[in-house]
Amino acid sequence: MPERIDPLRRLGRGMVNGVWRLGFASRFLFAILMFSGASFRRLHLTLREVFVSGVLSLLIILVSGLFVGLVLGLQGYETLQRYGSTEALGVLVALSLTRELGPVVAALLFASRAGSSVTAEIGLMKATEQLKAMDMMAVNPIARVVAPRFWGGVISMPLLAALFSAMGVLGGWLIGVVFIGVDDGAFWSQMQASVDFRYDVWNGVVKSFVFGVAVSLIAVFEGYDSVPTAEGVSRAITRTVVTSALAILALDFVLTSFMFRGTS
């Protein structure tokens, strides 16, 4: 019979494995940054990954942003109507999207669509020993495979978040102005007067950039560290989505706390 492991020993083993993986991920990020120069010298590799991670994710980002804006506009109008402030609907929609919903929801969708795809691709390359073959041919797999995918995600994420927020504002305008009948001039003028570029738009860009780094690093790391079997790759994909979601929400809390402290 296998030795029964008591809960305390199991907890200790889990903590040790977690610390080990965190250290290995830190070294992995350092290696990516070291070999990024070689990756950018072959710019077509990074541009291809921008297309794969960013352009191919446009449909789900735009459609989701539109529907989020529609819901925000509808619920925001019902709430503001109680206080006679329906003209502030544009402010509510714009601030909700640029500060929080745009970067966070876009990052979650990006992790589910592009992050899982990157993990699966690198994991399958490891399972079929393509990465070992590159090593044998004196081709660095981090510079040739990992770094372009990492930077493709980092570049794509802020652009996708901006498009998500823009479509959300469009959705709020459609439901508020076109269907409900909020004054068009008040919708846009109050939005322009209340949304600050530095504290609202720029903070959202910073958040989306940080989310892009986190999601891209998790995706390439889980694929590179996956067990080279079908089950191992599937588990790596699951870890990518779950870990990315938790990292996004945790980083959102940390960044928001610093940003609000800076504006107080």
C-alpha atoms as a PDB file:
ATOM      1  CA  MET A   1       0.000   0.000   0.000  1.00  0.00           C
ATOM      2  CA  PRO A   2       1.246   3.503  -0.758  1.00  0.00           C
ATOM      3  CA  GLU A   3       2.249   5.550   2.216  1.00  0.00           C
ATOM      4  CA  ARG A   4      -0.587   7.720   3.484  1.00  0.00           C
ATOM      5  CA  ILE A   5       0.365  11.380   3.422  1.00  0.00           C
ATOM      6  CA  ASP A   6      -1.047  13.417   6.271  1.00  0.00           C
ATOM      7  CA  PRO A   7      -2.670  16.803   5.489  1.00  0.00           C
ATOM      8  CA  LEU A   8       0.175  18.817   6.999  1.00  0.00           C
ATOM      9  CA  ARG A   9       2.777  17.134   4.807  1.00  0.00           C
ATOM     10  CA  ARG A  10       0.525  17.580   1.765  1.00  0.00           C
ATOM     11  CA  LEU A  11       0.150  21.292   2.554  1.00  0.00           C
ATOM     12  CA  GLY A  12       3.916  21.672   2.924  1.00  0.00           C
ATOM     13  CA  ARG A  13       4.553  19.897  -0.350  1.00  0.00           C
ATOM     14  CA  GLY A  14       2.054  22.150  -2.110  1.00  0.00           C
ATOM     15  CA  MET A  15       3.683  25.270  -0.710  1.00  0.00           C
ATOM     16  CA  VAL A  16       7.154  24.100  -1.706  1.00  0.00           C
ATOM     17  CA  ASN A  17       5.966  23.315  -5.232  1.00  0.00           C
ATOM     18  CA  GLY A  18       4.261  26.700  -5.449  1.00  0.00           C
ATOM     19  CA  VAL A  19       7.401  28.564  -4.382  1.00  0.00           C
ATOM     20  CA  TRP A  20       9.492  26.494  -6.789  1.00  0.00           C
ATOM     21  CA  ARG A  21       7.176  27.252  -9.710  1.00  0.00           C
ATOM     22  CA  LEU A  22       7.140  30.953  -8.811  1.00  0.00           C
ATOM     23  CA  GLY A  23      10.934  31.043  -8.803  1.00  0.00           C
ATOM     24  CA  PHE A  24      11.106  29.146 -12.084  1.00  0.00           C
ATOM     25  CA  ALA A  25       8.573  31.546 -13.635  1.00  0.00           C
ATOM     26  CA  SER A  26      10.706  34.512 -12.522  1.00  0.00           C
ATOM     27  CA  ARG A  27      13.800  32.993 -14.125  1.00  0.00           C
ATOM     28  CA  PHE A  28      11.716  32.229 -17.212  1.00  0.00           C
ATOM     29  CA  LEU A  29      10.641  35.885 -17.495  1.00  0.00           C
ATOM     30  CA  PHE A  30      14.267  36.982 -17.135  1.00  0.00           C
ATOM     31  CA  ALA A  31      15.257  34.600 -19.953  1.00  0.00           C
ATOM     32  CA  ILE A  32      12.484  35.976 -22.166  1.00  0.00           C
ATOM     33  CA  LEU A  33      13.694  39.538 -21.614  1.00  0.00           C
ATOM     34  CA  MET A  34      17.290  38.522 -22.299  1.00  0.00           C
ATOM     35  CA  PHE A  35      16.431  36.929 -25.650  1.00  0.00           C
ATOM     36  CA  SER A  36      13.859  39.512 -26.710  1.00  0.00           C
ATOM     37  CA  GLY A  37      16.463  41.351 -28.763  1.00  0.00           C
ATOM     38  CA  ALA A  38      17.006  38.319 -30.979  1.00  0.00           C
ATOM     39  CA  SER A  39      13.255  37.980 -31.284  1.00  0.00           C
ATOM     40  CA  PHE A  40      12.713  41.593 -32.328  1.00  0.00           C
ATOM     41  CA  ARG A  41      15.456  41.334 -34.931  1.00  0.00           C
ATOM     42  CA  ARG A  42      13.080  38.940 -36.671  1.00  0.00           C
ATOM     43  CA  LEU A  43      10.169  41.335 -36.420  1.00  0.00           C
ATOM     44  CA  HIS A  44       7.901  39.229 -38.609  1.00  0.00           C
ATOM     45  CA  LEU A  45       7.722  36.609 -35.829  1.00  0.00           C
ATOM     46  CA  THR A  46       6.342  39.133 -33.319  1.00  0.00           C
ATOM     47  CA  LEU A  47       3.995  40.683 -35.876  1.00  0.00           C
ATOM     48  CA  ARG A  48       2.634  37.241 -36.682  1.00  0.00           C
ATOM     49  CA  GLU A  49       1.868  36.659 -33.011  1.00  0.00           C
ATOM     50  CA  VAL A  50       0.227  40.088 -32.755  1.00  0.00           C
ATOM     51  CA  PHE A  51      -2.038  38.955 -35.573  1.00  0.00           C
ATOM     52  CA  VAL A  52      -2.727  35.561 -33.996  1.00  0.00           C
ATOM     53  CA  SER A  53      -3.294  36.861 -30.464  1.00  0.00           C
ATOM     54  CA  GLY A  54      -4.794  40.259 -31.248  1.00  0.00           C
ATOM     55  CA  VAL A  55      -6.498  40.361 -34.619  1.00  0.00           C
ATOM     56  CA  LEU A  56      -8.029  36.904 -34.297  1.00  0.00           C
ATOM     57  CA  SER A  57      -9.438  37.922 -30.895  1.00  0.00           C
ATOM     58  CA  LEU A  58     -11.135  41.027 -32.272  1.00  0.00           C
ATOM     59  CA  LEU A  59     -14.523  39.420 -32.879  1.00  0.00           C
ATOM     60  CA  ILE A  60     -15.108  38.213 -29.336  1.00  0.00           C
ATOM     61  CA  ILE A  61     -13.692  41.472 -27.908  1.00  0.00           C
ATOM     62  CA  LEU A  62     -15.893  43.741 -30.033  1.00  0.00           C
ATOM     63  CA  VAL A  63     -19.081  41.720 -29.601  1.00  0.00           C
ATOM     64  CA  SER A  64     -18.554  41.355 -25.854  1.00  0.00           C
ATOM     65  CA  GLY A  65     -17.762  45.057 -25.487  1.00  0.00           C
ATOM     66  CA  LEU A  66     -20.929  45.996 -27.330  1.00  0.00           C
ATOM     67  CA  PHE A  67     -23.135  43.821 -25.138  1.00  0.00           C
ATOM     68  CA  VAL A  68     -21.424  44.981 -21.935  1.00  0.00           C
ATOM     69  CA  GLY A  69     -22.100  48.569 -23.002  1.00  0.00           C
ATOM     70  CA  LEU A  70     -25.734  47.751 -23.742  1.00  0.00           C
ATOM     71  CA  VAL A  71     -26.186  46.222 -20.295  1.00  0.00           C
ATOM     72  CA  LEU A  72     -24.387  49.118 -18.600  1.00  0.00           C
ATOM     73  CA  GLY A  73     -26.535  51.642 -20.428  1.00  0.00           C
ATOM     74  CA  LEU A  74     -29.772  49.853 -19.578  1.00  0.00           C
ATOM     75  CA  GLN A  75     -29.003  49.277 -15.901  1.00  0.00           C
ATOM     76  CA  GLY A  76     -27.369  52.681 -15.508  1.00  0.00           C
ATOM     77  CA  TYR A  77     -30.421  54.431 -16.922  1.00  0.00           C
ATOM     78  CA  GLU A  78     -32.751  52.586 -14.536  1.00  0.00           C
ATOM     79  CA  THR A  79     -30.558  53.626 -11.585  1.00  0.00           C
ATOM     80  CA  LEU A  80     -30.014  57.247 -12.644  1.00  0.00           C
ATOM     81  CA  GLN A  81     -33.706  57.710 -13.414  1.00  0.00           C
ATOM     82  CA  ARG A  82     -34.505  57.377  -9.703  1.00  0.00           C
ATOM     83  CA  TYR A  83     -32.394  60.463  -8.972  1.00  0.00           C
ATOM     84  CA  GLY A  84     -33.292  62.493 -12.049  1.00  0.00           C
ATOM     85  CA  SER A  85     -29.776  62.285 -13.476  1.00  0.00           C
ATOM     86  CA  THR A  86     -30.285  60.386 -16.706  1.00  0.00           C
ATOM     87  CA  GLU A  87     -28.103  62.918 -18.583  1.00  0.00           C
ATOM     88  CA  ALA A  88     -25.106  61.499 -16.682  1.00  0.00           C
ATOM     89  CA  LEU A  89     -25.534  58.124 -18.370  1.00  0.00           C
ATOM     90  CA  GLY A  90     -22.547  58.734 -20.633  1.00  0.00           C
ATOM     91  CA  VAL A  91     -20.335  59.482 -17.627  1.00  0.00           C
ATOM     92  CA  LEU A  92     -21.394  56.281 -15.882  1.00  0.00           C
ATOM     93  CA  VAL A  93     -20.780  54.110 -18.941  1.00  0.00           C
ATOM     94  CA  ALA A  94     -17.445  55.709 -19.865  1.00  0.00           C
ATOM     95  CA  LEU A  95     -15.960  55.669 -16.365  1.00  0.00           C
ATOM     96  CA  SER A  96     -17.077  52.089 -15.699  1.00  0.00           C
ATOM     97  CA  LEU A  97     -15.456  50.909 -18.923  1.00  0.00           C
ATOM     98  CA  THR A  98     -12.228  52.908 -18.966  1.00  0.00           C
ATOM     99  CA  ARG A  99     -11.409  52.358 -15.295  1.00  0.00           C
ATOM    100  CA  GLU A 100     -12.497  48.777 -14.642  1.00  0.00           C
ATOM    101  CA  LEU A 101     -14.650  46.761 -17.006  1.00  0.00           C
ATOM    102  CA  GLY A 102     -12.702  47.473 -20.169  1.00  0.00           C
ATOM    103  CA  PRO A 103      -9.268  46.268 -19.006  1.00  0.00           C
ATOM    104  CA  VAL A 104     -10.564  43.494 -16.718  1.00  0.00           C
ATOM    105  CA  VAL A 105     -13.165  41.869 -18.979  1.00  0.00           C
ATOM    106  CA  ALA A 106     -10.959  42.244 -22.067  1.00  0.00           C
ATOM    107  CA  ALA A 107      -8.087  40.567 -20.191  1.00  0.00           C
ATOM    108  CA  LEU A 108     -10.315  37.691 -19.066  1.00  0.00           C
ATOM    109  CA  LEU A 109     -11.504  37.152 -22.635  1.00  0.00           C
ATOM    110  CA  PHE A 110      -7.944  37.441 -23.912  1.00  0.00           C
ATOM    111  CA  ALA A 111      -6.748  34.821 -21.431  1.00  0.00           C
ATOM    112  CA  SER A 112      -9.545  32.452 -22.411  1.00  0.00           C
ATOM    113  CA  ARG A 113      -9.069  32.828 -26.143  1.00  0.00           C
ATOM    114  CA  ALA A 114      -5.446  33.764 -26.888  1.00  0.00           C
ATOM    115  CA  GLY A 115      -3.756  32.589 -23.678  1.00  0.00           C
ATOM    116  CA  SER A 116      -5.132  29.068 -23.889  1.00  0.00           C
ATOM    117  CA  SER A 117      -4.192  28.933 -27.580  1.00  0.00           C
ATOM    118  CA  VAL A 118      -0.570  29.928 -26.845  1.00  0.00           C
ATOM    119  CA  THR A 119      -0.309  27.348 -24.057  1.00  0.00           C
ATOM    120  CA  ALA A 120      -1.702  24.624 -26.280  1.00  0.00           C
ATOM    121  CA  GLU A 121       0.644  25.511 -29.134  1.00  0.00           C
ATOM    122  CA  ILE A 122       3.805  25.543 -27.020  1.00  0.00           C
ATOM    123  CA  GLY A 123       2.677  22.463 -25.078  1.00  0.00           C
ATOM    124  CA  LEU A 124       2.121  20.498 -28.269  1.00  0.00           C
ATOM    125  CA  MET A 125       5.496  21.610 -29.598  1.00  0.00           C
ATOM    126  CA  LYS A 126       7.041  20.250 -26.410  1.00  0.00           C
ATOM    127  CA  ALA A 127       5.033  17.016 -26.580  1.00  0.00           C
ATOM    128  CA  THR A 128       6.128  16.396 -30.178  1.00  0.00           C
ATOM    129  CA  GLU A 129       9.758  17.263 -29.240  1.00  0.00           C
ATOM    130  CA  GLN A 130       9.964  20.215 -31.606  1.00  0.00           C
ATOM    131  CA  LEU A 131      11.572  22.325 -28.871  1.00  0.00           C
ATOM    132  CA  LYS A 132      14.262  19.662 -28.337  1.00  0.00           C
ATOM    133  CA  ALA A 133      14.863  19.567 -32.065  1.00  0.00           C
ATOM    134  CA  MET A 134      15.463  23.331 -32.061  1.00  0.00           C
ATOM    135  CA  ASP A 135      18.016  22.908 -29.284  1.00  0.00           C
ATOM    136  CA  MET A 136      19.800  20.246 -31.308  1.00  0.00           C
ATOM    137  CA  MET A 137      19.928  22.599 -34.311  1.00  0.00           C
ATOM    138  CA  ALA A 138      21.381  25.402 -32.123  1.00  0.00           C
ATOM    139  CA  VAL A 139      18.155  27.399 -32.296  1.00  0.00           C
ATOM    140  CA  ASN A 140      17.118  28.890 -28.964  1.00  0.00           C
ATOM    141  CA  PRO A 141      13.427  27.950 -28.453  1.00  0.00           C
ATOM    142  CA  ILE A 142      12.871  30.861 -26.053  1.00  0.00           C
ATOM    143  CA  ALA A 143      14.059  33.392 -28.642  1.00  0.00           C
ATOM    144  CA  ARG A 144      12.353  31.637 -31.569  1.00  0.00           C
ATOM    145  CA  VAL A 145       9.066  30.445 -30.017  1.00  0.00           C
ATOM    146  CA  VAL A 146       8.424  31.887 -26.561  1.00  0.00           C
ATOM    147  CA  ALA A 147       9.518  35.548 -26.788  1.00  0.00           C
ATOM    148  CA  PRO A 148       7.503  36.418 -29.937  1.00  0.00           C
ATOM    149  CA  ARG A 149       4.352  34.967 -28.384  1.00  0.00           C
ATOM    150  CA  PHE A 150       4.990  36.798 -25.131  1.00  0.00           C
ATOM    151  CA  TRP A 151       5.463  40.180 -26.787  1.00  0.00           C
ATOM    152  CA  GLY A 152       2.594  39.556 -29.188  1.00  0.00           C
ATOM    153  CA  GLY A 153       0.263  39.243 -26.205  1.00  0.00           C
ATOM    154  CA  VAL A 154       1.766  42.243 -24.395  1.00  0.00           C
ATOM    155  CA  ILE A 155       1.319  44.473 -27.459  1.00  0.00           C
ATOM    156  CA  SER A 156      -2.169  43.204 -28.283  1.00  0.00           C
ATOM    157  CA  MET A 157      -3.736  43.483 -24.828  1.00  0.00           C
ATOM    158  CA  PRO A 158      -3.861  47.327 -24.453  1.00  0.00           C
ATOM    159  CA  LEU A 159      -5.210  47.681 -27.996  1.00  0.00           C
ATOM    160  CA  LEU A 160      -7.929  45.105 -27.387  1.00  0.00           C
ATOM    161  CA  ALA A 161      -8.901  46.747 -24.090  1.00  0.00           C
ATOM    162  CA  ALA A 162      -9.200  50.128 -25.822  1.00  0.00           C
ATOM    163  CA  LEU A 163     -11.410  48.649 -28.538  1.00  0.00           C
ATOM    164  CA  PHE A 164     -13.507  46.905 -25.884  1.00  0.00           C
ATOM    165  CA  SER A 165     -14.092  50.208 -24.066  1.00  0.00           C
ATOM    166  CA  ALA A 166     -14.888  52.022 -27.325  1.00  0.00           C
ATOM    167  CA  MET A 167     -17.472  49.408 -28.288  1.00  0.00           C
ATOM    168  CA  GLY A 168     -18.901  49.548 -24.775  1.00  0.00           C
ATOM    169  CA  VAL A 169     -19.389  53.319 -25.038  1.00  0.00           C
ATOM    170  CA  LEU A 170     -21.050  52.767 -28.415  1.00  0.00           C
ATOM    171  CA  GLY A 171     -23.363  50.195 -26.853  1.00  0.00           C
ATOM    172  CA  GLY A 172     -24.253  52.584 -24.018  1.00  0.00           C
ATOM    173  CA  TRP A 173     -24.998  55.301 -26.561  1.00  0.00           C
ATOM    174  CA  LEU A 174     -27.208  52.977 -28.619  1.00  0.00           C
ATOM    175  CA  ILE A 175     -29.334  51.845 -25.694  1.00  0.00           C
ATOM    176  CA  GLY A 176     -29.415  55.241 -23.983  1.00  0.00           C
ATOM    177  CA  VAL A 177     -29.777  57.716 -26.843  1.00  0.00           C
ATOM    178  CA  VAL A 178     -31.220  55.731 -29.743  1.00  0.00           C
ATOM    179  CA  PHE A 179     -33.605  53.390 -27.933  1.00  0.00           C
ATOM    180  CA  ILE A 180     -34.442  55.102 -24.618  1.00  0.00           C
ATOM    181  CA  GLY A 181     -34.218  58.718 -25.705  1.00  0.00           C
ATOM    182  CA  VAL A 182     -31.521  60.323 -23.537  1.00  0.00           C
ATOM    183  CA  ASP A 183     -30.376  63.664 -24.936  1.00  0.00           C
ATOM    184  CA  ASP A 184     -27.518  63.091 -27.355  1.00  0.00           C
ATOM    185  CA  GLY A 185     -25.685  66.322 -26.546  1.00  0.00           C
ATOM    186  CA  ALA A 186     -25.870  65.757 -22.794  1.00  0.00           C
ATOM    187  CA  PHE A 187     -24.631  62.191 -23.200  1.00  0.00           C
ATOM    188  CA  TRP A 188     -21.442  63.196 -25.002  1.00  0.00           C
ATOM    189  CA  SER A 189     -20.780  66.575 -23.382  1.00  0.00           C
ATOM    190  CA  GLN A 190     -20.955  65.289 -19.809  1.00  0.00           C
ATOM    191  CA  MET A 191     -18.788  62.338 -20.769  1.00  0.00           C
ATOM    192  CA  GLN A 192     -16.119  64.613 -22.245  1.00  0.00           C
ATOM    193  CA  ALA A 193     -16.246  66.933 -19.229  1.00  0.00           C
ATOM    194  CA  SER A 194     -16.038  64.181 -16.603  1.00  0.00           C
ATOM    195  CA  VAL A 195     -13.621  61.623 -18.065  1.00  0.00           C
ATOM    196  CA  ASP A 196     -10.039  62.664 -17.347  1.00  0.00           C
ATOM    197  CA  PHE A 197      -7.321  61.338 -19.613  1.00  0.00           C
ATOM    198  CA  ARG A 198      -4.691  60.950 -16.902  1.00  0.00           C
ATOM    199  CA  TYR A 199      -6.740  59.459 -14.073  1.00  0.00           C
ATOM    200  CA  ASP A 200      -9.271  57.479 -16.099  1.00  0.00           C
ATOM    201  CA  VAL A 201      -8.057  56.631 -19.591  1.00  0.00           C
ATOM    202  CA  TRP A 202      -4.345  56.371 -18.803  1.00  0.00           C
ATOM    203  CA  ASN A 203      -4.944  54.263 -15.685  1.00  0.00           C
ATOM    204  CA  GLY A 204      -6.978  51.870 -17.801  1.00  0.00           C
ATOM    205  CA  VAL A 205      -4.116  51.636 -20.305  1.00  0.00           C
ATOM    206  CA  VAL A 206      -1.658  50.871 -17.497  1.00  0.00           C
ATOM    207  CA  LYS A 207      -3.949  48.170 -16.152  1.00  0.00           C
ATOM    208  CA  SER A 208      -4.360  46.543 -19.549  1.00  0.00           C
ATOM    209  CA  PHE A 209      -0.580  46.561 -20.104  1.00  0.00           C
ATOM    210  CA  VAL A 210       0.049  44.886 -16.729  1.00  0.00           C
ATOM    211  CA  PHE A 211      -2.686  42.346 -17.448  1.00  0.00           C
ATOM    212  CA  GLY A 212      -1.114  41.647 -20.831  1.00  0.00           C
ATOM    213  CA  VAL A 213       2.275  40.948 -19.250  1.00  0.00           C
ATOM    214  CA  ALA A 214       0.738  38.660 -16.618  1.00  0.00           C
ATOM    215  CA  VAL A 215      -1.479  36.689 -19.005  1.00  0.00           C
ATOM    216  CA  SER A 216       1.228  36.320 -21.652  1.00  0.00           C
ATOM    217  CA  LEU A 217       3.800  35.163 -19.100  1.00  0.00           C
ATOM    218  CA  ILE A 218       1.413  32.617 -17.589  1.00  0.00           C
ATOM    219  CA  ALA A 219       0.441  31.308 -21.020  1.00  0.00           C
ATOM    220  CA  VAL A 220       3.983  30.782 -22.330  1.00  0.00           C
ATOM    221  CA  PHE A 221       5.241  29.467 -18.983  1.00  0.00           C
ATOM    222  CA  GLU A 222       2.474  26.890 -18.594  1.00  0.00           C
ATOM    223  CA  GLY A 223       2.998  25.692 -22.150  1.00  0.00           C
ATOM    224  CA  TYR A 224       6.769  25.459 -21.763  1.00  0.00           C
ATOM    225  CA  ASP A 225       6.484  23.748 -18.359  1.00  0.00           C
ATOM    226  CA  SER A 226       3.685  21.351 -19.314  1.00  0.00           C
ATOM    227  CA  VAL A 227       4.050  17.582 -19.098  1.00  0.00           C
ATOM    228  CA  PRO A 228       4.631  16.374 -22.690  1.00  0.00           C
ATOM    229  CA  THR A 229       1.469  14.268 -22.880  1.00  0.00           C
ATOM    230  CA  ALA A 230      -2.078  14.957 -24.030  1.00  0.00           C
ATOM    231  CA  GLU A 231      -3.277  15.030 -20.433  1.00  0.00           C
ATOM    232  CA  GLY A 232      -0.386  17.260 -19.385  1.00  0.00           C
ATOM    233  CA  VAL A 233      -1.139  19.795 -22.122  1.00  0.00           C
ATOM    234  CA  SER A 234      -4.845  19.849 -21.250  1.00  0.00           C
ATOM    235  CA  ARG A 235      -4.001  20.472 -17.586  1.00  0.00           C
ATOM    236  CA  ALA A 236      -1.624  23.271 -18.600  1.00  0.00           C
ATOM    237  CA  ILE A 237      -4.398  24.945 -20.592  1.00  0.00           C
ATOM    238  CA  THR A 238      -6.735  24.723 -17.599  1.00  0.00           C
ATOM    239  CA  ARG A 239      -4.061  26.181 -15.306  1.00  0.00           C
ATOM    240  CA  THR A 240      -3.507  29.035 -17.763  1.00  0.00           C
ATOM    241  CA  VAL A 241      -7.140  30.103 -17.753  1.00  0.00           C
ATOM    242  CA  VAL A 242      -7.643  29.712 -13.997  1.00  0.00           C
ATOM    243  CA  THR A 243      -4.341  31.288 -12.952  1.00  0.00           C
ATOM    244  CA  SER A 244      -4.754  34.152 -15.413  1.00  0.00           C
ATOM    245  CA  ALA A 245      -8.235  34.942 -14.090  1.00  0.00           C
ATOM    246  CA  LEU A 246      -7.016  34.979 -10.484  1.00  0.00           C
ATOM    247  CA  ALA A 247      -3.951  37.047 -11.404  1.00  0.00           C
ATOM    248  CA  ILE A 248      -6.070  39.593 -13.291  1.00  0.00           C
ATOM    249  CA  LEU A 249      -8.474  40.088 -10.391  1.00  0.00           C
ATOM    250  CA  ALA A 250      -5.670  40.283  -7.818  1.00  0.00           C
ATOM    251  CA  LEU A 251      -3.639  42.735  -9.900  1.00  0.00           C
ATOM    252  CA  ASP A 252      -6.753  44.806 -10.534  1.00  0.00           C
ATOM    253  CA  PHE A 253      -7.252  45.215  -6.787  1.00  0.00           C
ATOM    254  CA  VAL A 254      -3.597  46.158  -6.217  1.00  0.00           C
ATOM    255  CA  LEU A 255      -3.460  48.624  -9.110  1.00  0.00           C
ATOM    256  CA  THR A 256      -6.797  50.206  -8.222  1.00  0.00           C
ATOM    257  CA  SER A 257      -5.722  50.733  -4.618  1.00  0.00           C
ATOM    258  CA  PHE A 258      -2.562  52.534  -5.744  1.00  0.00           C
ATOM    259  CA  MET A 259      -4.386  54.579  -8.362  1.00  0.00           C
ATOM    260  CA  PHE A 260      -7.089  55.742  -5.965  1.00  0.00           C
ATOM    261  CA  ARG A 261      -4.427  56.575  -3.387  1.00  0.00           C
ATOM    262  CA  GLY A 262      -2.639  58.662  -6.002  1.00  0.00           C
ATOM    263  CA  THR A 263      -5.784  60.663  -6.822  1.00  0.00           C
ATOM    264  CA  SER A 264      -6.767  61.334  -3.189  1.00  0.00           C
END
